[in-house]
């Protein structure tokens, strides 16, 4: 062995290259699995990714091919006793060789940082969806590649200073670095030149803006209209805007002029590091009471009320035992409604979509049967007094509709509404007009319109949600959860998650009207 090393002083380096290349191959295989997982389960999460979905399998293929090539060339180098397959071998000029290696060493350090940030975003986004042990396994290639990049770059600088010559990078790091330069550079360019547009005629203003409270993001909008066009807008204030878990509070803003101006942000519920989530307000027209149900840590359901339009709130009441809840719970999100019978309805997911209802103005509450499919339901009352649910379903499917003839206690057979594409996110449904006050029945619905969280679209039905012939794009950029509210003059308000590159950047409040929605093809005609 000693004689071999004398004849081939690079043998130890070649063997180390083989070890490093095999480690990178393992990381590449795990990365390929992650790409498959993201495409299968989260392909609609990011609009910019879904619009360039080809980039993910391309990235995985280039990464695997690059590492396999590096491994093969290392074996060949070991047998031939000279370096093979390194791009730097083709550069004869010493200064150019230095520029080449310095560039990759700098980029590898940057790639390590970007990999760390990417893992934080992805792990926060899937928290709660996968066991911690799975997330730990998925972290291996991010921290593994990042560690190799940092070690390789530090090794380069140490050798450059110590040996005073141009050393080479670890075998395979250039191939890996190129692959990450490819994907990070591509999306960096996409984000730089991305410029989504609002549809002409949409009046819009950011309402809850990222970092409005230090280091907090805002998600899950809900909104109700009270007498005199007072608006209450609620949402979740998150320590980590990408995660459904952790330190989350419920906050509110109030407008007394129909949404033209708003109060400062107010914290309505804060339980320390616990997750307070899914506000779903409703207004009792008979008593003037505002009810605000919410959940804590997806384990318990609570409700509080205000008799002064949100100026003060009661101590929260725990409904978990009263309702007999034993499974994961989430109210709404969105809004509840009061039916013509006086019954208060809270659309809820507790092991399935169902209605929480009260017939005594909130003194007691009961749980109805499950719809049978779907989650995050939203509701309206049909003109024949049926309760109608519209529920979230999987990406690539359609929204789920279900009808109840007894106010949510039991349900007819659910069905997919093929006029309403599902983007695997919550949507908002709202009664707009009825044929008692106006000449036409109209129901509104808002959600992203494609197989991704983007392109928020407002739709309208004239037959109680059986068909949806009217649809108009509100915003062509990222968008997700939304909430419709109707002012007394029939101005249509929508509060929804949106941004330039990601829907978590802001909750934006918009106003449109029927003339805008139908391009002048429909008019509000009161019944004589």
Protein backbone atom coordinates (compact mmCIF):
# COMPACT_ATOMS: atom_id res chain seq x y z
CA UNK A 1 0.00 0.00 0.00
CA UNK A 2 2.83 2.38 0.84
CA UNK A 3 4.51 1.68 -2.51
CA UNK A 4 1.23 2.32 -4.33
CA UNK A 5 0.88 5.64 -2.58
CA UNK A 6 4.41 6.56 -3.62
CA UNK A 7 3.65 5.70 -7.22
CA UNK A 8 0.30 7.45 -7.01
CA UNK A 9 0.41 10.29 -4.49
CA UNK A 10 -3.18 11.19 -5.42
CA UNK A 11 -4.63 7.78 -4.42
CA UNK A 12 -5.80 8.98 -1.01
CA UNK A 13 -7.42 12.05 -2.57
CA UNK A 14 -9.19 9.88 -5.16
CA UNK A 15 -10.52 7.55 -2.48
CA UNK A 16 -11.76 10.52 -0.46
CA UNK A 17 -13.42 11.82 -3.64
CA UNK A 18 -15.25 8.50 -3.97
CA UNK A 19 -16.53 8.75 -0.39
CA UNK A 20 -17.70 12.34 -0.91
CA UNK A 21 -19.36 11.47 -4.24
CA UNK A 22 -21.21 8.53 -2.67
CA UNK A 23 -22.45 10.79 0.12
CA UNK A 24 -23.64 13.32 -2.45
CA UNK A 25 -25.35 10.54 -4.40
CA UNK A 26 -27.31 9.62 -1.27
CA UNK A 27 -28.29 13.27 -0.76
CA UNK A 28 -29.32 13.50 -4.42
CA UNK A 29 -31.59 10.44 -4.11
CA UNK A 30 -33.28 11.95 -1.04
CA UNK A 31 -33.65 15.26 -2.89
CA UNK A 32 -35.34 13.39 -5.75
CA UNK A 33 -37.76 11.87 -3.24
CA UNK A 34 -38.47 15.33 -1.81
CA UNK A 35 -39.20 16.68 -5.29
CA UNK A 36 -41.67 13.83 -5.84
CA UNK A 37 -43.28 14.51 -2.46
CA UNK A 38 -43.63 18.23 -3.17
CA UNK A 39 -45.12 17.63 -6.61
CA UNK A 40 -47.57 15.07 -5.26
CA UNK A 41 -48.69 16.86 -2.09
CA UNK A 42 -47.79 20.54 -2.41
CA UNK A 43 -47.58 21.33 -6.12
CA UNK A 44 -50.20 24.06 -5.76
CA UNK A 45 -48.68 25.77 -2.75
CA UNK A 46 -46.48 28.26 -4.62
CA UNK A 47 -47.85 29.88 -7.77
CA UNK A 48 -44.40 30.62 -9.21
CA UNK A 49 -43.38 26.98 -8.76
CA UNK A 50 -46.61 25.57 -10.18
CA UNK A 51 -46.25 27.77 -13.26
CA UNK A 52 -42.78 26.26 -13.83
CA UNK A 53 -43.40 22.79 -12.45
CA UNK A 54 -41.04 21.28 -15.03
CA UNK A 55 -38.14 22.83 -13.15
CA UNK A 56 -38.40 20.41 -10.21
CA UNK A 57 -37.91 17.10 -12.08
CA UNK A 58 -35.30 18.81 -14.25
CA UNK A 59 -33.43 19.88 -11.13
CA UNK A 60 -33.57 16.35 -9.69
CA UNK A 61 -32.37 14.82 -12.97
CA UNK A 62 -29.43 17.25 -13.37
CA UNK A 63 -28.42 16.72 -9.75
CA UNK A 64 -28.41 12.94 -10.09
CA UNK A 65 -26.63 12.97 -13.46
CA UNK A 66 -23.97 15.40 -12.22
CA UNK A 67 -23.16 13.32 -9.15
CA UNK A 68 -23.14 10.04 -11.10
CA UNK A 69 -20.77 11.61 -13.64
CA UNK A 70 -18.53 12.84 -10.84
CA UNK A 71 -18.48 9.40 -9.23
CA UNK A 72 -17.63 7.67 -12.52
CA UNK A 73 -14.83 10.13 -13.31
CA UNK A 74 -13.41 9.66 -9.82
CA UNK A 75 -13.20 5.89 -10.36
CA UNK A 76 -11.55 6.48 -13.76
CA UNK A 77 -9.10 8.92 -12.16
CA UNK A 78 -8.21 6.36 -9.51
CA UNK A 79 -7.42 3.76 -12.16
CA UNK A 80 -5.55 6.11 -14.50
CA UNK A 81 -3.71 7.81 -11.60
CA UNK A 82 -4.51 11.30 -12.89
CA UNK A 83 -7.37 13.72 -12.37
CA UNK A 84 -10.19 13.31 -14.88
CA UNK A 85 -13.50 15.07 -15.41
CA UNK A 86 -12.79 18.34 -13.66
CA UNK A 87 -13.75 21.40 -15.69
CA UNK A 88 -10.80 23.27 -14.28
CA UNK A 89 -8.45 20.92 -16.15
CA UNK A 90 -9.49 22.61 -19.37
CA UNK A 91 -8.41 26.04 -18.12
CA UNK A 92 -4.71 26.53 -18.77
CA UNK A 93 -4.44 30.16 -17.71
CA UNK A 94 -3.53 30.36 -14.02
CA UNK A 95 -5.53 33.54 -13.38
CA UNK A 96 -8.64 32.15 -15.05
CA UNK A 97 -8.28 28.97 -13.01
CA UNK A 98 -8.20 31.10 -9.88
CA UNK A 99 -11.31 33.04 -10.92
CA UNK A 100 -13.12 29.77 -11.71
CA UNK A 101 -12.40 28.16 -8.35
CA UNK A 102 -12.98 31.34 -6.33
CA UNK A 103 -16.36 31.80 -8.01
CA UNK A 104 -17.52 28.29 -7.11
CA UNK A 105 -16.21 28.57 -3.56
CA UNK A 106 -18.16 31.80 -3.05
CA UNK A 107 -21.27 30.37 -4.67
CA UNK A 108 -21.10 27.21 -2.55
CA UNK A 109 -21.17 29.33 0.61
CA UNK A 110 -24.20 31.21 -0.75
CA UNK A 111 -25.87 27.93 -1.75
CA UNK A 112 -25.41 26.58 1.79
CA UNK A 113 -27.25 29.61 3.18
CA UNK A 114 -30.03 29.33 0.58
CA UNK A 115 -30.46 25.63 1.30
CA UNK A 116 -30.84 26.40 5.00
CA UNK A 117 -33.46 29.08 4.30
CA UNK A 118 -35.32 26.83 1.87
CA UNK A 119 -35.49 24.03 4.42
CA UNK A 120 -36.87 26.40 7.08
CA UNK A 121 -39.64 27.50 4.69
CA UNK A 122 -40.52 23.99 3.55
CA UNK A 123 -40.41 22.47 7.03
CA UNK A 124 -42.67 25.22 8.39
CA UNK A 125 -45.07 24.68 5.51
CA UNK A 126 -45.40 20.92 6.10
CA UNK A 127 -45.36 21.10 9.92
CA UNK A 128 -48.34 19.18 11.19
CA UNK A 129 -48.67 17.30 7.91
CA UNK A 130 -45.74 14.95 8.55
CA UNK A 131 -44.37 13.38 11.75
CA UNK A 132 -41.23 15.07 13.14
CA UNK A 133 -39.15 11.99 12.29
CA UNK A 134 -40.06 12.39 8.60
CA UNK A 135 -39.15 16.09 8.62
CA UNK A 136 -35.84 15.19 10.28
CA UNK A 137 -35.17 12.67 7.49
CA UNK A 138 -36.05 15.27 4.85
CA UNK A 139 -33.57 17.70 6.41
CA UNK A 140 -30.61 15.40 5.65
CA UNK A 141 -29.84 16.57 2.08
CA UNK A 142 -30.36 20.26 2.89
CA UNK A 143 -27.93 20.29 5.80
CA UNK A 144 -25.74 17.60 4.21
CA UNK A 145 -25.18 19.49 0.97
CA UNK A 146 -24.87 22.76 2.86
CA UNK A 147 -22.24 21.22 5.11
CA UNK A 148 -20.28 19.84 2.16
CA UNK A 149 -20.39 23.20 0.41
CA UNK A 150 -19.09 25.00 3.49
CA UNK A 151 -16.38 22.40 4.20
CA UNK A 152 -15.26 22.40 0.58
CA UNK A 153 -15.04 26.19 0.44
CA UNK A 154 -13.23 26.48 3.76
CA UNK A 155 -10.83 23.73 2.67
CA UNK A 156 -10.14 25.69 -0.51
CA UNK A 157 -9.31 28.92 1.33
CA UNK A 158 -7.13 27.17 3.92
CA UNK A 159 -5.13 25.38 1.22
CA UNK A 160 -4.88 28.51 -0.92
CA UNK A 161 -3.38 30.47 1.97
CA UNK A 162 -1.26 27.63 3.33
CA UNK A 163 0.06 26.21 0.04
CA UNK A 164 0.00 29.50 -1.88
CA UNK A 165 -1.38 27.84 -4.99
CA UNK A 166 -4.72 27.30 -6.68
CA UNK A 167 -6.19 24.17 -5.02
CA UNK A 168 -9.11 22.24 -6.38
CA UNK A 169 -12.58 21.94 -4.85
CA UNK A 170 -13.87 18.64 -3.54
CA UNK A 171 -14.93 16.27 -6.30
CA UNK A 172 -18.61 16.74 -7.19
CA UNK A 173 -19.08 20.10 -5.51
CA UNK A 174 -18.87 21.96 -8.80
CA UNK A 175 -21.53 19.68 -10.33
CA UNK A 176 -23.75 20.06 -7.25
CA UNK A 177 -23.11 23.78 -7.09
CA UNK A 178 -24.08 24.16 -10.75
CA UNK A 179 -27.38 22.37 -10.15
CA UNK A 180 -28.31 24.63 -7.25
CA UNK A 181 -27.13 27.68 -9.19
CA UNK A 182 -29.50 26.56 -11.95
CA UNK A 183 -32.62 26.29 -9.77
CA UNK A 184 -31.94 29.23 -7.43
CA UNK A 185 -30.91 31.41 -10.37
CA UNK A 186 -34.02 30.46 -12.32
CA UNK A 187 -36.45 31.30 -9.54
CA UNK A 188 -34.46 34.40 -8.63
CA UNK A 189 -34.93 35.65 -12.18
CA UNK A 190 -38.63 34.71 -12.17
CA UNK A 191 -39.21 36.64 -8.95
CA UNK A 192 -37.21 39.62 -10.22
CA UNK A 193 -39.28 40.01 -13.38
CA UNK A 194 -42.61 38.82 -11.96
CA UNK A 195 -45.19 41.60 -12.13
CA UNK A 196 -48.75 40.29 -11.57
CA UNK A 197 -51.55 42.72 -12.42
CA UNK A 198 -54.87 43.68 -10.87
CA UNK A 199 -57.89 43.56 -13.15
CA UNK A 200 -58.94 47.04 -14.16
CA UNK A 201 -61.63 48.49 -11.92
CA UNK A 202 -60.61 46.65 -8.73
CA UNK A 203 -60.16 49.03 -5.80
CA UNK A 204 -57.58 47.48 -3.48
CA UNK A 205 -55.60 48.32 -0.34
CA UNK A 206 -53.27 46.18 1.82
CA UNK A 207 -54.91 45.66 5.21
CA UNK A 208 -52.67 43.28 7.18
CA UNK A 209 -49.05 43.60 6.01
CA UNK A 210 -46.17 41.26 6.86
CA UNK A 211 -44.15 42.62 9.82
CA UNK A 212 -46.87 45.11 10.76
CA UNK A 213 -46.28 43.57 14.16
CA UNK A 214 -42.53 42.90 14.47
CA UNK A 215 -41.55 39.60 12.84
CA UNK A 216 -45.10 38.40 12.27
CA UNK A 217 -47.05 37.37 9.19
CA UNK A 218 -50.81 37.25 8.60
CA UNK A 219 -53.03 34.52 7.22
CA UNK A 220 -56.59 33.11 7.32
CA UNK A 221 -58.84 36.15 6.74
CA UNK A 222 -62.41 36.46 7.98
CA UNK A 223 -64.74 39.44 7.82
CA UNK A 224 -68.34 40.40 8.62
CA UNK A 225 -70.53 43.41 7.94
CA UNK A 226 -72.49 44.92 10.82
CA UNK A 227 -75.23 47.60 10.71
CA UNK A 228 -74.23 50.97 9.23
CA UNK A 229 -71.57 49.23 7.13
CA UNK A 230 -69.26 48.64 10.06
CA UNK A 231 -66.70 46.01 9.06
CA UNK A 232 -64.78 43.70 11.37
CA UNK A 233 -61.79 41.98 9.75
CA UNK A 234 -60.02 39.15 11.59
CA UNK A 235 -57.00 36.99 10.82
CA UNK A 236 -54.22 34.92 12.34
CA UNK A 237 -51.06 36.75 13.41
CA UNK A 238 -48.27 34.20 13.05
CA UNK A 239 -44.75 34.19 14.45
CA UNK A 240 -43.85 32.17 11.35
CA UNK A 241 -46.09 33.09 8.42
CA UNK A 242 -45.37 29.77 6.69
CA UNK A 243 -46.41 27.52 9.58
CA UNK A 244 -49.87 26.51 10.82
CA UNK A 245 -48.35 25.74 14.21
CA UNK A 246 -46.53 27.70 16.90
CA UNK A 247 -47.17 31.13 18.41
CA UNK A 248 -50.34 32.29 16.62
CA UNK A 249 -52.78 34.98 17.82
CA UNK A 250 -56.11 36.24 16.50
CA UNK A 251 -56.08 39.93 15.59
CA UNK A 252 -58.70 42.35 14.30
CA UNK A 253 -59.13 45.65 12.49
CA UNK A 254 -62.36 47.67 12.39
CA UNK A 255 -63.81 50.07 9.84
CA UNK A 256 -66.83 52.30 10.48
CA UNK A 257 -66.96 53.73 6.94
CA UNK A 258 -67.40 50.68 4.77
CA UNK A 259 -63.71 49.81 4.50
CA UNK A 260 -62.31 53.18 3.43
CA UNK A 261 -60.31 53.56 6.65
CA UNK A 262 -59.35 51.06 9.33
CA UNK A 263 -58.39 51.03 12.99
CA UNK A 264 -54.93 49.97 14.16
CA UNK A 265 -54.42 46.25 14.63
CA UNK A 266 -55.84 44.81 17.88
CA UNK A 267 -54.91 41.49 19.49
CA UNK A 268 -58.17 39.68 20.28
CA UNK A 269 -56.79 36.36 21.55
CA UNK A 270 -53.24 35.53 22.64
CA UNK A 271 -52.45 32.32 24.52
CA UNK A 272 -48.68 32.63 24.56
CA UNK A 273 -46.83 30.08 22.44
CA UNK A 274 -50.04 28.19 21.67
CA UNK A 275 -51.78 28.18 18.30
CA UNK A 276 -54.99 30.24 18.38
CA UNK A 277 -56.53 29.78 14.95
CA UNK A 278 -59.44 29.79 12.51
CA UNK A 279 -61.57 32.82 13.44
CA UNK A 280 -65.12 32.40 12.09
CA UNK A 281 -67.26 35.39 13.15
CA UNK A 282 -71.03 35.68 12.73
CA UNK A 283 -73.62 38.32 13.59
CA UNK A 284 -76.95 37.69 15.30
CA UNK A 285 -79.37 40.14 13.72
CA UNK A 286 -81.97 39.50 16.44
CA UNK A 287 -79.78 40.33 19.45
CA UNK A 288 -77.07 42.51 17.90
CA UNK A 289 -74.41 40.13 19.23
CA UNK A 290 -71.18 39.38 17.39
CA UNK A 291 -69.93 35.83 17.97
CA UNK A 292 -66.32 34.80 17.40
CA UNK A 293 -65.58 31.07 17.54
CA UNK A 294 -61.98 29.86 17.27
CA UNK A 295 -59.81 26.87 18.20
CA UNK A 296 -56.61 26.35 20.19
CA UNK A 297 -53.92 23.91 19.07
CA UNK A 298 -56.49 22.12 16.86
CA UNK A 299 -57.66 20.38 20.05
CA UNK A 300 -60.28 22.59 21.66
CA UNK A 301 -63.05 24.91 20.42
CA UNK A 302 -63.89 28.21 22.11
CA UNK A 303 -66.29 31.10 21.53
CA UNK A 304 -66.48 34.70 22.71
CA UNK A 305 -68.95 37.49 21.99
CA UNK A 306 -69.22 41.26 21.73
CA UNK A 307 -72.33 43.39 22.26
CA UNK A 308 -70.66 46.63 21.14
CA UNK A 309 -69.51 45.79 17.62
CA UNK A 310 -66.09 44.51 18.62
CA UNK A 311 -65.04 47.25 21.04
CA UNK A 312 -64.95 44.78 23.95
CA UNK A 313 -65.15 40.99 24.11
CA UNK A 314 -66.37 38.48 26.65
CA UNK A 315 -64.16 35.88 28.31
CA UNK A 316 -63.87 32.91 25.93
CA UNK A 317 -66.07 29.91 26.67
CA UNK A 318 -64.82 26.38 26.01
CA UNK A 319 -67.27 24.42 23.85
CA UNK A 320 -65.18 21.25 23.54
CA UNK A 321 -66.98 19.14 26.15
CA UNK A 322 -70.39 20.64 25.42
CA UNK A 323 -70.08 19.51 21.80
CA UNK A 324 -68.40 16.21 22.65
CA UNK A 325 -65.40 16.93 20.43
CA UNK A 326 -62.70 14.27 20.47
CA UNK A 327 -60.88 14.88 17.17
CA UNK A 328 -58.90 17.61 15.45
CA UNK A 329 -61.05 20.73 15.22
CA UNK A 330 -60.99 23.90 13.12
CA UNK A 331 -63.82 26.41 12.87
CA UNK A 332 -64.46 27.81 9.41
CA UNK A 333 -62.29 29.55 8.46
CA UNK A 334 -64.30 32.41 7.00
CA UNK A 335 -67.62 33.41 8.51
CA UNK A 336 -70.72 31.92 10.08
CA UNK A 337 -74.30 32.85 9.17
CA UNK A 338 -77.71 33.26 10.76
CA UNK A 339 -80.53 31.46 8.97
CA UNK A 340 -84.03 32.87 8.46
CA UNK A 341 -85.23 30.67 11.32
CA UNK A 342 -82.84 32.49 13.67
CA UNK A 343 -80.48 29.50 13.89
CA UNK A 344 -76.81 30.45 14.18
CA UNK A 345 -74.45 28.37 12.02
CA UNK A 346 -70.69 27.90 12.49
CA UNK A 347 -69.20 25.90 9.56
CA UNK A 348 -66.60 23.62 11.13
CA UNK A 349 -64.20 20.77 10.50
CA UNK A 350 -64.04 18.34 13.45
CA UNK A 351 -63.05 15.04 11.91
CA UNK A 352 -65.05 16.16 8.88
CA UNK A 353 -67.11 19.07 7.61
CA UNK A 354 -70.15 19.74 9.78
CA UNK A 355 -72.27 22.54 11.25
CA UNK A 356 -72.16 23.77 14.84
CA UNK A 357 -75.53 25.41 15.49
CA UNK A 358 -77.50 27.26 18.15
CA UNK A 359 -81.26 27.83 18.34
CA UNK A 360 -81.17 29.99 21.47
CA UNK A 361 -78.92 32.82 20.28
CA UNK A 362 -75.68 31.29 21.51
CA UNK A 363 -76.75 30.05 24.95
CA UNK A 364 -76.18 26.42 23.91
CA UNK A 365 -74.54 24.85 20.87
CA UNK A 366 -74.91 21.49 19.12
CA UNK A 367 -73.03 19.60 16.40
CA UNK A 368 -74.71 18.27 13.27
CA UNK A 369 -73.80 15.20 11.24
CA UNK A 370 -70.84 15.14 8.87
CA UNK A 371 -71.17 16.08 5.21
CA UNK A 372 -69.13 13.00 4.33
CA UNK A 373 -66.36 14.62 2.31
CA UNK A 374 -64.43 17.89 2.25
CA UNK A 375 -63.10 20.34 4.82
CA UNK A 376 -63.06 24.09 5.62
CA UNK A 377 -66.76 24.52 4.76
CA UNK A 378 -68.47 27.82 4.08
CA UNK A 379 -72.24 28.26 4.02
CA UNK A 380 -75.20 30.19 2.65
CA UNK A 381 -78.96 29.75 2.98
CA UNK A 382 -80.87 28.96 -0.21
CA UNK A 383 -84.14 30.70 -1.05
CA UNK A 384 -86.04 27.53 -0.10
CA UNK A 385 -84.46 27.71 3.40
CA UNK A 386 -81.92 24.89 2.87
CA UNK A 387 -78.45 25.22 4.34
CA UNK A 388 -75.80 24.88 1.61
CA UNK A 389 -72.18 23.97 2.29
CA UNK A 390 -69.28 24.59 -0.09
CA UNK A 391 -66.15 22.69 0.98
CA UNK A 392 -62.48 22.46 0.16
CA UNK A 393 -61.27 19.38 -1.73
CA UNK A 394 -57.97 18.14 -3.11
CA UNK A 395 -55.93 19.97 -5.73
CA UNK A 396 -57.02 19.16 -9.26
CA UNK A 397 -60.54 18.24 -8.19
CA UNK A 398 -63.67 20.39 -7.82
CA UNK A 399 -65.29 22.12 -4.88
CA UNK A 400 -67.65 19.96 -2.84
CA UNK A 401 -71.29 21.02 -2.40
CA UNK A 402 -73.85 19.61 0.03
CA UNK A 403 -77.43 20.54 0.98
CA UNK A 404 -79.24 20.20 4.29
CA UNK A 405 -83.00 20.51 4.70
CA UNK A 406 -82.87 20.65 8.49
CA UNK A 407 -80.38 23.43 9.12
CA UNK A 408 -77.21 21.34 9.16
CA UNK A 409 -78.40 18.47 11.38
CA UNK A 410 -78.25 16.01 8.48
CA UNK A 411 -77.08 16.23 4.85
CA UNK A 412 -78.16 15.08 1.44
CA UNK A 413 -75.54 13.31 -0.71
CA UNK A 414 -72.53 15.56 -1.37
CA UNK A 415 -71.31 16.13 -4.93
CA UNK A 416 -68.49 17.80 -6.87
CA UNK A 417 -69.47 21.14 -8.41
CA UNK A 418 -67.74 21.00 -11.79
CA UNK A 419 -68.14 24.74 -12.40
CA UNK A 420 -65.90 25.44 -9.39
CA UNK A 421 -62.27 24.26 -9.77
CA UNK A 422 -60.50 23.40 -6.55
CA UNK A 423 -57.05 24.72 -5.74
CA UNK A 424 -56.77 22.85 -2.44
CA UNK A 425 -57.55 25.91 -0.38
CA UNK A 426 -60.45 27.58 1.41
CA UNK A 427 -63.02 29.53 -0.60
CA UNK A 428 -65.76 31.99 0.36
CA UNK A 429 -69.45 31.73 -0.57
CA UNK A 430 -72.03 34.41 0.17
CA UNK A 431 -75.64 35.30 -0.56
CA UNK A 432 -75.65 38.48 -2.69
CA UNK A 433 -79.33 39.07 -3.54
CA UNK A 434 -82.60 37.14 -3.30
CA UNK A 435 -85.81 37.37 -5.32
CA UNK A 436 -87.71 38.76 -2.35
CA UNK A 437 -85.82 42.08 -2.32
CA UNK A 438 -84.43 42.05 -5.87
CA UNK A 439 -85.59 40.61 -9.16
CA UNK A 440 -82.87 37.91 -9.19
CA UNK A 441 -81.32 35.37 -6.87
CA UNK A 442 -77.53 35.73 -6.81
CA UNK A 443 -74.81 33.88 -4.90
CA UNK A 444 -71.10 34.84 -4.97
CA UNK A 445 -68.03 32.62 -4.62
CA UNK A 446 -64.31 33.46 -4.52
CA UNK A 447 -61.21 31.28 -4.67
CA UNK A 448 -58.03 30.78 -6.72
CA UNK A 449 -59.03 29.59 -10.16
CA UNK A 450 -56.29 27.17 -11.24
CA UNK A 451 -54.32 24.20 -9.92
CA UNK A 452 -52.31 26.47 -7.66
CA UNK A 453 -52.80 29.18 -5.11
CA UNK A 454 -53.13 32.05 -7.51
CA UNK A 455 -55.44 33.98 -9.86
CA UNK A 456 -58.20 34.88 -7.39
CA UNK A 457 -61.52 34.80 -9.24
CA UNK A 458 -64.98 36.01 -8.25
CA UNK A 459 -67.90 33.93 -9.56
CA UNK A 460 -71.68 34.32 -9.47
CA UNK A 461 -74.62 31.92 -9.65
CA UNK A 462 -78.23 32.74 -10.52
CA UNK A 463 -79.64 29.33 -9.52
CA UNK A 464 -78.51 28.91 -5.90
CA UNK A 465 -75.13 27.46 -6.71
CA UNK A 466 -76.19 24.81 -9.23
CA UNK A 467 -74.30 26.54 -12.04
CA UNK A 468 -71.78 29.39 -12.11
CA UNK A 469 -71.97 31.19 -15.47
CA UNK A 470 -70.27 34.42 -14.35
CA UNK A 471 -66.56 34.51 -13.50
CA UNK A 472 -64.03 37.34 -13.46
CA UNK A 473 -60.39 37.49 -12.45
CA UNK A 474 -59.65 39.82 -9.55
CA UNK A 475 -55.84 39.45 -9.37
CA UNK A 476 -53.52 37.33 -11.49
CA UNK A 477 -50.81 36.85 -8.86
CA UNK A 478 -50.49 34.55 -5.84
CA UNK A 479 -53.67 34.22 -3.76
CA UNK A 480 -55.21 31.74 -1.36
CA UNK A 481 -57.81 32.07 1.43
CA UNK A 482 -60.49 34.72 0.91
CA UNK A 483 -63.60 36.19 2.53
CA UNK A 484 -66.53 37.98 0.85
CA UNK A 485 -68.65 40.65 2.56
CA UNK A 486 -71.53 42.71 1.12
CA UNK A 487 -72.14 46.37 2.05
CA UNK A 488 -75.61 47.88 2.26
CA UNK A 489 -75.31 49.44 -1.22
CA UNK A 490 -74.33 46.00 -2.60
CA UNK A 491 -70.66 46.83 -2.96
CA UNK A 492 -68.78 43.53 -2.97
CA UNK A 493 -65.80 43.39 -0.57
CA UNK A 494 -63.16 40.66 -0.52
CA UNK A 495 -60.35 40.22 2.00
CA UNK A 496 -57.80 37.71 0.73
CA UNK A 497 -54.23 36.44 1.02
CA UNK A 498 -52.01 37.77 -1.73
CA UNK A 499 -48.68 39.26 -2.72
CA UNK A 500 -46.25 39.78 -5.58
CA UNK A 501 -44.34 36.50 -5.28
CA UNK A 502 -46.13 34.69 -2.45
CA UNK A 503 -49.65 34.85 -1.04
CA UNK A 504 -48.38 35.26 2.53
CA UNK A 505 -47.10 38.78 1.93
CA UNK A 506 -50.34 40.60 2.79
CA UNK A 507 -54.06 40.36 3.40
CA UNK A 508 -55.54 42.79 0.89
CA UNK A 509 -59.02 44.35 0.99
CA UNK A 510 -60.73 44.94 -2.36
CA UNK A 511 -64.00 46.46 -3.55
CA UNK A 512 -65.90 45.73 -6.77
CA UNK A 513 -69.54 45.85 -7.82
CA UNK A 514 -72.03 43.96 -9.98
CA UNK A 515 -71.39 46.19 -12.97
CA UNK A 516 -67.66 45.31 -12.80
CA UNK A 517 -68.35 41.60 -12.31
CA UNK A 518 -70.70 41.29 -15.28
CA UNK A 519 -69.10 43.94 -17.51
CA UNK A 520 -72.36 45.86 -17.42
CA UNK A 521 -74.43 42.81 -18.36
CA UNK A 522 -76.48 42.68 -15.13
CA UNK A 523 -78.20 45.39 -13.11
CA UNK A 524 -79.48 45.51 -9.57
CA UNK A 525 -83.25 45.92 -9.92
CA UNK A 526 -85.18 46.08 -6.63
CA UNK A 527 -88.49 44.29 -6.56
CA UNK A 528 -91.40 46.77 -6.56
